[in-house]
């Protein structure tokens, strides 16, 4: 189900139902008397924020980000409230952090883009498109909000399954997108679901280098995880809510503790801001 500015008396996101924004829209606003997100239902703005960089375009290893901010370079994760994780390249940077945790309103930054072939004998390298997109923006106002499912604005994962066969060996295929922004305001909040604006993970395909050292698509430069976004959930009564409010940083899944021995850099994104209050 699509929209960008929705108003209704009562909205039910039934099991396996998904409410998201229309294509090309980075923000979804929901205003309702009552909103009920059932167990496997979702209101989801994941991967609808700032786009990732594309190293194939001149000057453009940088991911897109908010006006006045610095984007993440090459394979570093996108930033938002949290800082994007770093790959192994000396001198490259993750983007600057931004937004207001008490009034989050901006999408997550795109991951830095880059793809190179570490061993030509394993096949040619290609980079499909900038796909390490940050999370979008979600703004919900309701009298009663029951969330037993998922309300999300997560960053998109990097180093994903963008290969063809026979096996191709990639070293540097982009950092993940940062988490986006969620604001939810209600008189009463219940349920056991999640509000999440997490940074995207990298090495989501978990393909290891032929050397077997645990690096993702290469031995030296796994892409960085996305930084966490901003989540603000405000309810006069949230005593009936037992779920999670989170904005974690993304991980490099093939080896979350990986560092280049000659250039130790943390590939995990840092956490953003996650607030539940009255």
Protein backbone atom coordinates (compact mmCIF):
# COMPACT_ATOMS: atom_id res chain seq x y z
CA UNK A 1 0.00 0.00 0.00
CA UNK A 2 1.46 3.33 -1.09
CA UNK A 3 1.06 6.93 -0.02
CA UNK A 4 2.96 9.97 1.17
CA UNK A 5 0.48 11.89 3.38
CA UNK A 6 -2.25 9.69 4.81
CA UNK A 7 -5.13 10.64 7.10
CA UNK A 8 -7.81 8.25 8.35
CA UNK A 9 -9.91 7.49 11.44
CA UNK A 10 -8.56 3.97 12.00
CA UNK A 11 -5.79 2.20 10.15
CA UNK A 12 -5.00 -1.50 10.44
CA UNK A 13 -1.82 -2.93 8.92
CA UNK A 14 -2.84 -6.56 8.87
CA UNK A 15 -0.51 -9.56 9.04
CA UNK A 16 1.93 -9.50 6.09
CA UNK A 17 0.60 -6.11 5.02
CA UNK A 18 3.07 -3.31 4.23
CA UNK A 19 2.45 0.43 4.17
CA UNK A 20 5.16 2.49 2.52
CA UNK A 21 5.60 5.64 0.44
CA UNK A 22 5.04 6.17 -3.25
CA UNK A 23 8.12 5.74 -5.49
CA UNK A 24 10.43 8.74 -5.36
CA UNK A 25 9.07 9.86 -1.97
CA UNK A 26 11.41 9.95 1.01
CA UNK A 27 8.78 10.75 3.68
CA UNK A 28 5.54 9.13 4.80
CA UNK A 29 3.18 11.00 7.15
CA UNK A 30 0.36 9.09 8.86
CA UNK A 31 -2.30 10.89 10.89
CA UNK A 32 -5.06 8.78 12.44
CA UNK A 33 -7.33 8.33 15.40
CA UNK A 34 -6.06 4.77 15.82
CA UNK A 35 -3.27 2.80 14.18
CA UNK A 36 -2.92 -0.96 14.64
CA UNK A 37 0.15 -2.74 13.22
CA UNK A 38 -0.39 -6.46 13.57
CA UNK A 39 2.28 -9.08 14.30
CA UNK A 40 3.72 -9.48 10.80
CA UNK A 41 2.53 -6.12 9.47
CA UNK A 42 4.90 -3.28 8.61
CA UNK A 43 4.98 0.44 8.12
CA UNK A 44 8.27 0.60 6.29
CA UNK A 45 10.41 3.41 4.88
CA UNK A 46 13.61 1.36 4.72
CA UNK A 47 15.96 2.13 1.83
CA UNK A 48 14.05 5.26 0.76
CA UNK A 49 16.51 7.94 1.92
CA UNK A 50 19.63 9.44 0.37
CA UNK A 51 21.24 7.37 -2.37
CA UNK A 52 24.58 5.65 -2.20
CA UNK A 53 27.58 6.73 -4.23
CA UNK A 54 28.67 5.24 -7.52
CA UNK A 55 32.40 4.93 -8.04
CA UNK A 56 31.85 4.47 -11.76
CA UNK A 57 30.81 8.12 -12.00
CA UNK A 58 33.65 10.67 -11.88
CA UNK A 59 34.13 12.23 -8.39
CA UNK A 60 31.40 10.02 -7.09
CA UNK A 61 32.51 7.60 -4.53
CA UNK A 62 30.54 9.83 -2.15
CA UNK A 63 27.09 8.90 -0.91
CA UNK A 64 24.38 11.55 -0.94
CA UNK A 65 23.52 13.23 2.37
CA UNK A 66 21.73 16.20 3.94
CA UNK A 67 22.42 19.73 2.65
CA UNK A 68 25.55 21.21 4.18
CA UNK A 69 26.89 17.82 5.30
CA UNK A 70 29.77 15.69 4.01
CA UNK A 71 28.83 12.41 2.35
CA UNK A 72 30.54 9.09 3.05
CA UNK A 73 33.43 8.37 0.73
CA UNK A 74 34.01 5.18 -1.26
CA UNK A 75 33.24 2.06 0.80
CA UNK A 76 32.49 3.71 4.14
CA UNK A 77 28.99 3.39 5.58
CA UNK A 78 26.52 6.25 5.39
CA UNK A 79 26.04 8.47 8.45
CA UNK A 80 23.00 10.02 10.13
CA UNK A 81 22.72 10.29 13.93
CA UNK A 82 25.39 7.58 14.09
CA UNK A 83 28.66 7.52 12.17
CA UNK A 84 29.11 5.11 9.29
CA UNK A 85 31.63 2.28 9.63
CA UNK A 86 35.00 2.51 7.89
CA UNK A 87 36.56 0.28 5.28
CA UNK A 88 40.29 -0.34 5.04
CA UNK A 89 41.30 2.51 2.73
CA UNK A 90 43.64 5.03 4.31
CA UNK A 91 42.45 8.63 4.08
CA UNK A 92 38.81 7.96 3.23
CA UNK A 93 36.09 9.16 5.59
CA UNK A 94 32.57 8.40 6.69
CA UNK A 95 30.09 11.25 6.35
CA UNK A 96 29.28 13.81 9.03
CA UNK A 97 26.44 13.22 11.51
CA UNK A 98 23.31 15.38 11.53
CA UNK A 99 19.64 15.81 12.58
CA UNK A 100 17.93 16.61 15.89
CA UNK A 101 17.12 13.59 18.10
CA UNK A 102 14.16 15.48 19.61
CA UNK A 103 12.74 16.40 16.20
CA UNK A 104 14.18 13.94 13.65
CA UNK A 105 13.20 14.93 10.15
CA UNK A 106 15.91 13.90 7.68
CA UNK A 107 16.63 10.71 5.72
CA UNK A 108 19.68 8.56 6.35
CA UNK A 109 22.87 9.14 4.37
CA UNK A 110 23.80 6.86 1.49
CA UNK A 111 26.82 4.59 1.74
CA UNK A 112 29.96 5.37 -0.19
CA UNK A 113 30.10 3.48 -3.47
CA UNK A 114 32.93 1.61 -5.05
CA UNK A 115 33.66 -1.70 -6.69
CA UNK A 116 36.92 -3.12 -7.93
CA UNK A 117 38.12 -6.54 -8.91
CA UNK A 118 40.65 -7.95 -6.48
CA UNK A 119 41.61 -10.86 -8.74
CA UNK A 120 40.85 -10.73 -12.44
CA UNK A 121 41.14 -14.50 -12.73
CA UNK A 122 37.89 -14.74 -10.77
CA UNK A 123 35.91 -12.82 -13.37
CA UNK A 124 35.19 -9.22 -14.31
CA UNK A 125 33.91 -6.74 -11.77
CA UNK A 126 30.72 -4.79 -12.28
CA UNK A 127 28.66 -2.43 -10.20
CA UNK A 128 24.96 -2.50 -10.93
CA UNK A 129 23.81 0.84 -9.46
CA UNK A 130 24.08 2.96 -6.32
CA UNK A 131 22.16 0.69 -3.98
CA UNK A 132 23.41 1.49 -0.48
CA UNK A 133 20.47 3.80 0.21
CA UNK A 134 19.71 5.33 3.60
CA UNK A 135 16.41 4.97 5.43
CA UNK A 136 13.56 7.37 4.72
CA UNK A 137 11.44 9.48 7.09
CA UNK A 138 8.30 8.32 8.89
CA UNK A 139 6.01 10.58 10.93
CA UNK A 140 3.03 9.05 12.77
CA UNK A 141 0.45 10.88 14.89
CA UNK A 142 -2.32 8.81 16.48
CA UNK A 143 -4.64 8.75 19.45
CA UNK A 144 -3.94 5.06 20.06
CA UNK A 145 -0.98 3.32 18.45
CA UNK A 146 -0.75 -0.44 18.80
CA UNK A 147 2.51 -1.73 17.34
CA UNK A 148 2.87 -5.49 17.49
CA UNK A 149 4.68 -5.58 14.15
CA UNK A 150 7.44 -3.42 12.67
CA UNK A 151 7.66 0.32 12.12
CA UNK A 152 10.93 0.86 10.27
CA UNK A 153 13.19 3.26 8.40
CA UNK A 154 16.33 1.13 8.13
CA UNK A 155 19.32 1.76 5.89
CA UNK A 156 19.88 -0.60 2.99
CA UNK A 157 22.59 -3.24 3.22
CA UNK A 158 25.83 -3.06 1.23
CA UNK A 159 28.03 -5.67 -0.44
CA UNK A 160 24.94 -7.59 -1.37
CA UNK A 161 24.30 -10.38 -3.84
CA UNK A 162 25.17 -8.41 -6.98
CA UNK A 163 27.32 -11.08 -8.62
CA UNK A 164 26.89 -13.46 -11.51
CA UNK A 165 28.31 -16.94 -11.90
CA UNK A 166 30.90 -18.33 -12.21
CA UNK A 167 32.08 -17.00 -8.88
CA UNK A 168 33.34 -13.43 -8.97
CA UNK A 169 35.67 -11.97 -6.38
CA UNK A 170 34.91 -8.42 -5.23
CA UNK A 171 37.00 -6.34 -2.87
CA UNK A 172 35.20 -3.02 -2.56
CA UNK A 173 31.48 -2.90 -3.23
CA UNK A 174 30.19 -0.05 -1.13
CA UNK A 175 29.24 0.80 2.41
CA UNK A 176 25.70 0.40 3.72
CA UNK A 177 23.09 3.14 4.08
CA UNK A 178 22.39 4.86 7.40
CA UNK A 179 19.14 4.48 9.30
CA UNK A 180 16.47 7.09 8.63
CA UNK A 181 14.15 9.02 10.94
CA UNK A 182 10.99 8.01 12.82
CA UNK A 183 8.71 10.21 14.88
CA UNK A 184 5.66 8.61 16.50
CA UNK A 185 3.33 10.60 18.77
CA UNK A 186 0.34 9.01 20.50
CA UNK A 187 -1.79 9.30 23.59
CA UNK A 188 -1.58 5.55 24.20
CA UNK A 189 1.09 3.15 22.93
CA UNK A 190 0.69 -0.63 23.26
CA UNK A 191 2.07 -3.80 21.67
CA UNK A 192 5.34 -5.71 21.58
CA UNK A 193 6.67 -4.75 18.16
CA UNK A 194 9.64 -2.63 17.11
CA UNK A 195 10.45 0.90 16.02
CA UNK A 196 13.74 0.73 14.15
CA UNK A 197 16.03 3.02 12.17
CA UNK A 198 19.07 0.78 12.02
CA UNK A 199 22.09 1.23 9.80
CA UNK A 200 22.37 -1.35 7.04
CA UNK A 201 24.72 -4.30 7.38
CA UNK A 202 27.45 -5.15 4.87
CA UNK A 203 28.59 -8.48 3.51
CA UNK A 204 24.95 -9.49 3.42
CA UNK A 205 25.83 -12.12 0.80
CA UNK A 206 28.60 -13.45 3.09
CA UNK A 207 30.80 -14.54 0.19
CA UNK A 208 34.35 -15.05 1.41
CA UNK A 209 37.60 -14.39 -0.35
CA UNK A 210 39.44 -17.40 -1.84
CA UNK A 211 42.17 -16.93 0.76
CA UNK A 212 39.62 -17.97 3.39
CA UNK A 213 40.55 -15.18 5.79
CA UNK A 214 36.92 -14.20 6.44
CA UNK A 215 36.78 -10.95 4.53
CA UNK A 216 33.75 -10.25 2.40
CA UNK A 217 34.41 -10.37 -1.34
CA UNK A 218 38.02 -9.45 -0.76
CA UNK A 219 40.85 -9.71 1.71
CA UNK A 220 41.35 -6.09 2.71
CA UNK A 221 38.37 -3.77 2.36
CA UNK A 222 34.94 -4.84 3.55
CA UNK A 223 32.43 -2.01 3.23
CA UNK A 224 31.44 -0.18 6.40
CA UNK A 225 28.07 -0.66 8.11
CA UNK A 226 25.62 2.23 8.10
CA UNK A 227 25.28 4.56 11.07
CA UNK A 228 22.12 4.39 13.16
CA UNK A 229 19.31 6.83 12.51
CA UNK A 230 16.96 8.77 14.79
CA UNK A 231 13.87 7.33 16.51
CA UNK A 232 11.61 9.41 18.75
CA UNK A 233 8.52 7.73 20.22
CA UNK A 234 6.37 9.88 22.52
CA UNK A 235 3.23 8.63 24.29
CA UNK A 236 1.41 9.94 27.34
CA UNK A 237 0.87 6.30 28.34
CA UNK A 238 3.29 3.66 27.07
CA UNK A 239 2.93 1.27 30.01
CA UNK A 240 1.33 -1.29 27.70
CA UNK A 241 4.26 -1.32 25.26
CA UNK A 242 6.88 -4.05 25.72
CA UNK A 243 8.63 -3.85 22.37
CA UNK A 244 11.89 -2.27 21.19
CA UNK A 245 12.95 1.19 20.10
CA UNK A 246 16.30 0.96 18.31
CA UNK A 247 18.76 2.72 16.02
CA UNK A 248 21.77 0.40 15.99
CA UNK A 249 24.78 0.72 13.76
CA UNK A 250 25.19 -1.74 10.91
CA UNK A 251 27.66 -4.64 11.09
CA UNK A 252 30.08 -6.21 8.66
CA UNK A 253 28.47 -9.65 8.83
CA UNK A 254 31.26 -11.84 7.46
CA UNK A 255 33.58 -10.81 10.28
CA UNK A 256 32.26 -8.05 12.60
CA UNK A 257 35.67 -7.72 14.27
CA UNK A 258 37.62 -7.37 11.02
CA UNK A 259 40.39 -4.81 10.84
CA UNK A 260 43.13 -4.44 8.27
CA UNK A 261 46.30 -5.27 10.15
CA UNK A 262 48.20 -2.38 8.60
CA UNK A 263 45.29 0.03 8.91
CA UNK A 264 42.95 -0.85 11.79
CA UNK A 265 39.54 0.67 11.17
CA UNK A 266 36.20 -0.36 12.65
CA UNK A 267 33.80 -1.52 9.91
CA UNK A 268 30.72 -1.28 12.15
CA UNK A 269 28.51 1.82 12.15
CA UNK A 270 27.86 3.51 15.49
CA UNK A 271 24.42 3.67 17.11
CA UNK A 272 22.11 6.59 16.51
CA UNK A 273 19.46 7.96 18.85
CA UNK A 274 16.45 5.93 20.10
CA UNK A 275 14.13 7.67 22.57
CA UNK A 276 10.90 6.45 24.19
CA UNK A 277 9.30 9.08 26.38
CA UNK A 278 6.15 10.90 27.46
